N, C-alpha and C. Protein backbone atom coordinates (compact mmCIF):
# COMPACT_ATOMS: atom_id res chain seq x y z
N MET A 1 0.87 -0.96 0.21
CA MET A 1 0.07 -0.11 0.19
C MET A 1 0.90 1.53 0.20
N ARG A 2 0.40 2.28 -0.61
CA ARG A 2 1.12 3.13 -0.67
C ARG A 2 0.55 4.30 0.50
N SER A 3 1.52 5.24 0.42
CA SER A 3 0.92 6.08 1.94
C SER A 3 0.60 7.51 1.24
N ALA A 4 -0.01 8.19 2.00
CA ALA A 4 -0.58 9.51 1.36
C ALA A 4 0.49 10.75 1.37
N GLU A 5 0.35 11.11 0.50
CA GLU A 5 1.63 11.73 0.07
C GLU A 5 1.33 13.43 1.37
N HIS A 6 2.55 14.10 1.60
CA HIS A 6 2.39 14.95 2.19
C HIS A 6 2.51 16.05 1.07
N ARG A 7 1.96 17.24 0.94
CA ARG A 7 2.06 18.02 0.35
C ARG A 7 3.66 19.32 0.87
N PRO A 8 4.37 19.43 0.41
CA PRO A 8 5.01 20.30 -0.11
C PRO A 8 5.30 21.67 0.83
N ASP A 9 5.56 22.39 1.73
CA ASP A 9 5.68 23.67 2.16
C ASP A 9 5.36 24.96 0.47
N GLY A 10 5.21 25.42 0.92
CA GLY A 10 4.16 26.80 -0.05
C GLY A 10 3.58 26.37 -1.90
N ASP A 11 2.44 25.30 -1.14
CA ASP A 11 1.50 24.93 -1.31
C ASP A 11 0.52 25.82 -2.31
N SER A 12 0.06 25.44 -2.83
CA SER A 12 -1.11 26.55 -3.06
C SER A 12 -2.37 26.35 -2.66
N ALA A 13 -2.30 25.19 -1.92
CA ALA A 13 -3.52 24.69 -1.14
C ALA A 13 -4.05 25.98 0.09
N ASP A 14 -5.39 25.99 0.31
CA ASP A 14 -5.91 27.16 1.29
C ASP A 14 -5.10 26.53 2.51
N ALA A 15 -4.59 27.79 3.48
CA ALA A 15 -3.95 27.85 4.53
C ALA A 15 -4.22 27.23 5.24
N ARG A 16 -6.45 27.14 5.65
CA ARG A 16 -6.70 26.06 6.58
C ARG A 16 -6.63 24.38 6.21
N THR A 17 -6.36 24.63 4.95
CA THR A 17 -6.37 23.11 4.70
C THR A 17 -5.46 22.32 5.12
N ARG A 18 -5.20 21.15 5.86
CA ARG A 18 -4.22 20.45 6.93
C ARG A 18 -3.22 19.07 6.32
N PRO A 19 -2.63 18.97 4.92
CA PRO A 19 -2.69 17.52 4.16
C PRO A 19 -1.65 17.13 5.09
N VAL A 20 -1.82 15.54 5.72
CA VAL A 20 -1.35 14.75 6.69
C VAL A 20 -0.75 13.66 5.92
N THR A 21 0.13 12.78 6.27
CA THR A 21 0.26 11.38 5.44
C THR A 21 -0.21 10.56 6.57
N ILE A 22 -1.42 9.76 5.73
CA ILE A 22 -1.96 8.70 6.24
C ILE A 22 -1.51 7.85 5.94
N THR A 23 -1.51 6.28 6.47
CA THR A 23 -1.58 5.29 6.06
C THR A 23 -2.67 4.15 6.29
N SER A 24 -3.76 4.30 6.98
CA SER A 24 -4.91 3.61 7.37
C SER A 24 -6.08 4.46 7.82
N ALA A 25 -7.14 3.80 8.00
CA ALA A 25 -8.20 4.33 8.36
C ALA A 25 -8.07 5.04 9.93
N ALA A 26 -8.02 4.27 10.72
CA ALA A 26 -7.50 4.52 12.52
C ALA A 26 -6.73 5.81 12.53
N ALA A 27 -5.60 5.56 11.54
CA ALA A 27 -4.84 6.81 11.76
C ALA A 27 -5.14 7.82 11.01
N ALA A 28 -6.56 8.38 9.81
CA ALA A 28 -6.54 9.18 9.71
C ALA A 28 -8.45 9.72 10.72
N ARG A 29 -9.37 8.99 11.31
CA ARG A 29 -9.67 8.89 12.61
C ARG A 29 -9.06 9.88 13.49
N SER A 30 -7.97 9.23 13.72
CA SER A 30 -7.64 9.95 14.77
C SER A 30 -6.79 11.44 14.69
N TYR A 31 -6.13 11.57 13.09
CA TYR A 31 -5.49 12.77 12.94
C TYR A 31 -7.41 13.75 13.13
N VAL A 32 -8.32 13.19 12.35
CA VAL A 32 -9.31 14.18 12.08
C VAL A 32 -9.77 14.80 13.58
N ARG A 33 -9.59 13.53 14.73
CA ARG A 33 -10.03 13.96 15.73
C ARG A 33 -9.15 14.87 16.43
N SER A 34 -8.43 15.10 16.39
CA SER A 34 -7.21 16.14 17.37
C SER A 34 -7.96 17.17 15.94
N VAL A 35 -7.88 17.24 15.03
CA VAL A 35 -8.22 18.61 14.71
C VAL A 35 -9.72 19.12 14.95
N VAL A 36 -10.70 18.18 15.10
CA VAL A 36 -11.81 18.23 15.48
C VAL A 36 -11.38 19.13 17.29
N GLU A 37 -10.72 18.53 17.97
CA GLU A 37 -10.57 18.73 18.89
C GLU A 37 -9.53 20.38 19.50
N GLU A 38 -8.47 20.24 18.32
CA GLU A 38 -7.74 21.80 18.41
C GLU A 38 -9.08 23.04 17.54
N HIS A 39 -9.64 22.52 16.84
CA HIS A 39 -10.47 24.11 16.06
C HIS A 39 -11.59 24.69 17.04
N TRP A 40 -12.37 22.98 18.00
CA TRP A 40 -13.92 23.47 18.48
C TRP A 40 -13.49 23.36 19.74
N ARG A 41 -12.94 24.49 20.31
CA ARG A 41 -12.69 24.54 21.41
C ARG A 41 -14.19 25.07 22.17
N PRO A 42 -13.89 25.23 23.69
CA PRO A 42 -15.02 25.31 24.66
C PRO A 42 -15.91 26.92 24.53
N ALA A 43 -14.90 27.75 24.29
CA ALA A 43 -15.08 29.36 23.98
C ALA A 43 -15.62 29.46 22.77
N ALA A 44 -15.31 28.80 21.72
CA ALA A 44 -15.17 28.71 20.10
C ALA A 44 -16.77 28.00 20.25
N GLY A 45 -17.41 27.12 20.55
CA GLY A 45 -18.64 26.50 20.47
C GLY A 45 -17.58 24.53 20.32
N THR A 46 -19.27 23.86 20.56
CA THR A 46 -18.77 22.49 20.70
C THR A 46 -19.11 21.60 19.55
N ALA A 47 -18.49 20.98 19.44
CA ALA A 47 -18.86 19.90 18.26
C ALA A 47 -19.54 19.37 19.23
N GLY A 48 -21.01 18.25 18.98
CA GLY A 48 -21.64 17.60 19.73
C GLY A 48 -20.79 16.33 18.97
N GLU A 49 -20.80 15.27 20.06
CA GLU A 49 -20.21 14.13 20.07
C GLU A 49 -20.75 12.82 19.28
N THR A 50 -22.03 12.81 18.67
CA THR A 50 -22.85 12.39 17.81
C THR A 50 -21.82 13.18 16.53
N ALA A 51 -21.88 14.52 16.15
CA ALA A 51 -21.70 14.44 15.28
C ALA A 51 -20.14 14.06 14.63
N VAL A 52 -19.15 13.59 15.92
CA VAL A 52 -17.89 13.64 15.77
C VAL A 52 -18.21 12.14 14.86
N MET A 53 -18.55 11.72 15.80
CA MET A 53 -18.77 9.99 15.87
C MET A 53 -19.00 9.93 13.95
N ASP A 54 -19.84 11.10 13.32
CA ASP A 54 -20.34 10.73 11.95
C ASP A 54 -19.38 11.08 10.99
N LEU A 55 -19.20 11.88 11.95
CA LEU A 55 -17.87 12.33 11.42
C LEU A 55 -16.26 11.28 10.64
N LEU A 56 -16.54 10.55 11.92
CA LEU A 56 -15.31 9.82 11.92
C LEU A 56 -15.56 8.65 11.07
N LEU A 57 -17.07 8.52 11.31
CA LEU A 57 -17.19 7.22 9.95
C LEU A 57 -17.29 7.35 8.85
N VAL A 58 -17.49 8.64 8.59
CA VAL A 58 -16.96 9.39 7.10
C VAL A 58 -15.56 9.14 6.80
N VAL A 59 -14.94 8.84 7.30
CA VAL A 59 -13.48 9.31 7.38
C VAL A 59 -12.98 7.98 6.99
N SER A 60 -13.67 6.87 8.11
CA SER A 60 -13.05 5.61 8.18
C SER A 60 -13.84 4.75 6.73
N GLU A 61 -15.13 5.35 6.44
CA GLU A 61 -15.36 4.77 5.14
C GLU A 61 -14.35 5.60 3.44
N LEU A 62 -14.12 6.72 3.84
CA LEU A 62 -13.62 7.10 2.13
C LEU A 62 -12.11 6.67 2.54
N VAL A 63 -11.29 6.39 3.45
CA VAL A 63 -10.07 5.83 3.35
C VAL A 63 -10.32 4.86 3.22
N ALA A 64 -11.29 3.93 3.67
CA ALA A 64 -11.12 2.27 3.37
C ALA A 64 -11.66 2.25 1.50
N ASN A 65 -12.41 2.99 1.33
CA ASN A 65 -12.70 2.56 -0.02
C ASN A 65 -11.18 3.40 -1.16
N ALA A 66 -10.58 4.03 -0.35
CA ALA A 66 -9.72 4.74 -1.64
C ALA A 66 -8.66 3.98 -1.00
N ILE A 67 -8.27 2.77 0.11
CA ILE A 67 -7.67 1.55 -0.51
C ILE A 67 -7.68 0.64 -0.62
N ARG A 68 -9.48 -0.11 -0.76
CA ARG A 68 -9.63 -0.91 -1.44
C ARG A 68 -10.09 -0.64 -2.61
N HIS A 69 -10.25 0.02 -3.23
CA HIS A 69 -10.89 0.18 -4.17
C HIS A 69 -10.34 1.24 -4.94
N GLY A 70 -9.41 2.11 -4.19
CA GLY A 70 -9.13 3.00 -5.48
C GLY A 70 -7.43 2.82 -5.42
N GLY A 71 -6.45 2.12 -5.76
CA GLY A 71 -5.58 1.63 -5.94
C GLY A 71 -4.62 2.24 -4.94
N GLY A 72 -5.33 2.55 -4.00
CA GLY A 72 -4.47 3.29 -2.54
C GLY A 72 -4.34 4.76 -2.21
N LEU A 73 -3.96 4.83 -1.09
CA LEU A 73 -4.29 6.43 -0.53
C LEU A 73 -3.19 7.44 -1.32
N ALA A 74 -3.53 8.23 -2.44
CA ALA A 74 -2.68 9.38 -2.60
C ALA A 74 -2.34 10.71 -1.55
N GLY A 75 -3.08 10.65 -1.06
CA GLY A 75 -3.07 12.03 -0.25
C GLY A 75 -4.62 12.21 0.96
N PHE A 76 -4.63 12.79 1.93
CA PHE A 76 -5.47 12.86 2.32
C PHE A 76 -5.32 14.52 3.21
N GLU A 77 -6.28 15.33 2.79
CA GLU A 77 -6.95 16.23 3.70
C GLU A 77 -8.19 17.13 4.90
N VAL A 78 -7.92 17.77 5.73
CA VAL A 78 -8.85 17.91 6.30
C VAL A 78 -8.98 19.29 6.07
N THR A 79 -9.68 19.88 6.30
CA THR A 79 -9.61 21.29 6.27
C THR A 79 -11.01 21.92 7.56
N PRO A 80 -10.77 22.47 8.65
CA PRO A 80 -11.63 22.89 9.80
C PRO A 80 -12.49 24.05 8.94
N LEU A 81 -13.99 23.75 8.95
CA LEU A 81 -14.50 25.30 8.66
C LEU A 81 -16.09 25.68 9.77
N ALA A 82 -16.08 26.84 9.70
CA ALA A 82 -17.30 27.32 10.63
C ALA A 82 -18.06 26.28 10.78
N GLU A 83 -18.69 25.74 10.13
CA GLU A 83 -20.01 24.37 10.49
C GLU A 83 -19.72 23.37 10.65
N GLY A 84 -18.24 23.31 10.26
CA GLY A 84 -17.59 21.42 9.60
C GLY A 84 -16.55 21.44 9.34
N VAL A 85 -16.00 20.02 8.75
CA VAL A 85 -14.88 19.72 8.02
C VAL A 85 -15.39 19.57 7.04
N ARG A 86 -14.42 19.59 6.10
CA ARG A 86 -13.82 19.05 4.46
C ARG A 86 -12.83 18.27 4.44
N LEU A 87 -13.56 16.90 4.03
CA LEU A 87 -12.60 16.50 3.66
C LEU A 87 -12.10 15.96 2.30
N SER A 88 -10.97 15.91 2.30
CA SER A 88 -10.09 15.35 0.46
C SER A 88 -9.58 14.23 0.67
N VAL A 89 -10.46 13.23 -0.04
CA VAL A 89 -9.47 12.24 0.05
C VAL A 89 -8.39 11.67 -1.31
N HIS A 90 -7.63 11.50 -1.64
CA HIS A 90 -6.72 11.16 -3.12
C HIS A 90 -7.01 9.58 -3.11
N ASP A 91 -6.91 8.86 -4.32
CA ASP A 91 -6.73 8.37 -4.75
C ASP A 91 -5.99 7.79 -6.08
N TYR A 92 -5.97 6.38 -6.36
CA TYR A 92 -4.96 6.32 -8.32
C TYR A 92 -5.48 5.62 -8.92
N SER A 93 -7.12 5.52 -8.31
CA SER A 93 -8.58 4.84 -9.08
C SER A 93 -9.19 5.98 -10.04
N ASP A 94 -8.64 5.86 -11.65
CA ASP A 94 -10.63 7.10 -12.25
C ASP A 94 -11.40 6.41 -12.41
N ALA A 95 -11.74 5.38 -11.54
CA ALA A 95 -13.04 4.72 -11.59
C ALA A 95 -14.08 5.38 -10.33
N VAL A 96 -14.74 6.22 -10.71
CA VAL A 96 -16.07 6.78 -10.34
C VAL A 96 -16.83 5.35 -9.37
N PRO A 97 -17.45 5.87 -8.07
CA PRO A 97 -18.31 4.24 -7.90
C PRO A 97 -19.67 4.50 -8.27
N SER A 98 -20.25 3.54 -9.16
CA SER A 98 -21.42 3.84 -9.23
C SER A 98 -22.76 4.06 -7.78
N ALA A 99 -22.23 4.21 -6.65
CA ALA A 99 -23.45 4.12 -5.88
C ALA A 99 -23.00 6.33 -6.07
N ALA A 100 -21.53 6.75 -5.64
CA ALA A 100 -21.57 8.22 -5.57
C ALA A 100 -22.46 8.81 -5.52
N TYR A 101 -23.12 8.58 -6.27
CA TYR A 101 -24.00 9.79 -6.62
C TYR A 101 -25.80 9.31 -6.36
N GLY A 102 -25.67 8.26 -5.74
CA GLY A 102 -26.84 7.12 -5.34
C GLY A 102 -27.89 8.39 -4.40
N PRO A 103 -28.91 7.78 -4.14
CA PRO A 103 -30.34 8.09 -2.66
C PRO A 103 -29.40 7.63 -1.32
N GLY A 104 -28.21 6.79 -1.51
CA GLY A 104 -27.96 7.00 -0.44
C GLY A 104 -28.86 5.41 0.45
N ALA A 105 -29.53 4.47 -0.20
CA ALA A 105 -29.85 3.40 -0.08
C ALA A 105 -29.32 2.22 0.12
N LEU A 106 -29.74 1.79 1.42
CA LEU A 106 -28.73 0.85 2.03
C LEU A 106 -28.65 -0.49 0.97
N PRO A 107 -27.75 -1.85 1.09
CA PRO A 107 -28.19 -2.48 -0.11
C PRO A 107 -29.53 -3.80 0.58
N ARG A 108 -30.20 -4.11 -0.60
CA ARG A 108 -31.20 -5.08 -0.03
C ARG A 108 -30.22 -6.29 0.62
N THR A 109 -29.40 -6.61 0.45
CA THR A 109 -28.99 -7.73 0.91
C THR A 109 -27.44 -7.83 1.49
N HIS A 110 -26.84 -8.36 3.23
CA HIS A 110 -25.84 -7.88 3.34
C HIS A 110 -24.61 -8.66 3.11
N GLU A 111 -24.23 -8.96 2.43
CA GLU A 111 -22.70 -9.16 1.59
C GLU A 111 -21.39 -8.91 2.14
N GLY A 112 -21.07 -7.65 3.54
CA GLY A 112 -20.23 -7.75 3.86
C GLY A 112 -19.86 -6.47 3.46
N SER A 113 -20.49 -5.95 2.81
CA SER A 113 -19.72 -4.73 2.26
C SER A 113 -20.96 -4.07 1.11
N GLY A 114 -20.78 -2.84 0.34
CA GLY A 114 -21.88 -1.74 0.46
C GLY A 114 -22.17 -0.62 1.15
N TYR A 115 -22.36 -0.83 2.36
CA TYR A 115 -22.66 -0.08 2.96
C TYR A 115 -22.07 1.60 3.21
N GLY A 116 -20.87 1.96 2.57
CA GLY A 116 -19.99 3.12 2.46
C GLY A 116 -20.61 4.19 1.98
N TRP A 117 -21.04 4.02 0.73
CA TRP A 117 -21.34 5.12 0.05
C TRP A 117 -22.60 5.64 0.86
N PRO A 118 -23.74 4.43 1.13
CA PRO A 118 -24.84 5.13 1.52
C PRO A 118 -24.62 5.96 2.94
N LEU A 119 -23.61 5.80 3.60
CA LEU A 119 -23.02 6.17 4.80
C LEU A 119 -23.18 7.42 4.53
N ILE A 120 -21.51 7.67 3.32
CA ILE A 120 -21.22 8.77 3.43
C ILE A 120 -22.22 9.45 2.73
N ILE A 121 -23.16 9.08 2.17
CA ILE A 121 -24.21 9.94 0.96
C ILE A 121 -25.09 10.82 2.11
N ARG A 122 -25.34 9.77 3.33
CA ARG A 122 -26.52 9.96 4.62
C ARG A 122 -25.67 11.31 5.46
N LEU A 123 -24.49 11.37 5.72
CA LEU A 123 -23.74 11.61 6.72
C LEU A 123 -23.31 13.34 6.03
N SER A 124 -22.74 12.92 4.92
CA SER A 124 -21.86 14.09 4.27
C SER A 124 -23.23 15.09 3.44
N ARG A 125 -22.14 16.70 3.04
CA ARG A 125 -23.51 17.14 2.08
C ARG A 125 -22.08 17.91 1.39
N GLU A 126 -22.17 18.47 -0.12
CA GLU A 126 -21.21 18.70 -0.87
C GLU A 126 -20.30 17.76 -1.31
N ILE A 127 -20.90 16.55 -2.04
CA ILE A 127 -20.01 15.66 -2.14
C ILE A 127 -19.78 15.74 -3.91
N ARG A 128 -18.22 15.94 -4.03
CA ARG A 128 -17.42 15.78 -5.32
C ARG A 128 -16.61 14.98 -4.88
N ILE A 129 -16.69 14.51 -6.83
CA ILE A 129 -15.41 13.53 -7.05
C ILE A 129 -15.15 14.46 -8.73
N ASP A 130 -13.41 14.28 -8.66
CA ASP A 130 -13.01 15.23 -9.46
C ASP A 130 -11.62 14.41 -9.88
N ARG A 131 -11.43 14.25 -11.28
CA ARG A 131 -9.93 13.43 -11.30
C ARG A 131 -8.89 14.37 -10.87
N ARG A 132 -7.95 13.54 -10.83
CA ARG A 132 -6.41 14.47 -10.42
C ARG A 132 -5.79 14.66 -12.13
N ARG A 133 -4.94 15.13 -12.03
CA ARG A 133 -4.61 15.48 -13.58
C ARG A 133 -4.00 14.72 -13.65
N GLU A 134 -2.77 14.35 -12.29
CA GLU A 134 -1.70 13.31 -12.31
C GLU A 134 -2.28 11.80 -12.47
N GLY A 135 -3.64 11.48 -11.89
CA GLY A 135 -3.85 9.78 -12.60
C GLY A 135 -5.21 9.59 -10.99
N GLY A 136 -6.12 8.89 -11.27
CA GLY A 136 -6.70 9.21 -9.98
C GLY A 136 -7.85 10.00 -9.78
N LYS A 137 -8.43 9.64 -8.53
CA LYS A 137 -9.34 10.60 -8.37
C LYS A 137 -9.32 11.15 -6.48
N THR A 138 -9.57 12.60 -6.49
CA THR A 138 -9.99 13.51 -4.92
C THR A 138 -11.61 12.80 -5.17
N VAL A 139 -11.88 12.69 -3.76
CA VAL A 139 -13.53 12.46 -3.36
C VAL A 139 -13.35 13.42 -2.47
N SER A 140 -14.39 15.21 -2.25
CA SER A 140 -13.89 15.60 -1.41
C SER A 140 -15.96 16.01 -0.54
N VAL A 141 -15.44 15.65 0.07
CA VAL A 141 -16.94 16.10 1.23
C VAL A 141 -17.07 17.26 2.26
N PHE A 142 -18.17 18.01 2.44
CA PHE A 142 -18.60 18.21 4.19
C PHE A 142 -19.24 17.98 5.04
N VAL A 143 -18.61 17.64 6.01
CA VAL A 143 -19.02 17.08 7.39
C VAL A 143 -19.79 17.79 7.98
N PRO A 144 -20.90 18.69 8.21
CA PRO A 144 -21.51 19.29 9.11
C PRO A 144 -21.19 18.95 10.74
N LEU A 145 -20.76 19.72 11.73
CA LEU A 145 -20.28 19.29 13.04
C LEU A 145 -21.49 20.50 13.97
N MET A 146 -22.36 21.14 13.31
CA MET A 146 -23.03 22.12 13.95
C MET A 146 -24.15 22.07 14.06
């Protein structure tokens, strides 16, 4: 498995975007939780634990999909915003998941998979899938916390 790449200093990414080297869903969840704890201090408002758990579920599904179906994780970015978090997950596959723009319906039968995209659709807003110049794609979502 290839690890996510860290952007070099001076990259043109928004100053609030925090790229980080991630190699697993567990590492991504841990990092996102630290960003949430840093960004939403008690004086600035509190992200509810249920909303944070929803966010971490979306993180897990996006990263696991990139690793399992996207040829590996090419990058991971977290952007804290006033009312939530934007996640951007880059992978090496050009294939767009067929369920990505669906209604979020759960699979009719349980065969061990197929729940990821319905959960992402139900818990996220502003889902975008863009092809990367260097190949692969970026899946970006906004997960509200407030």
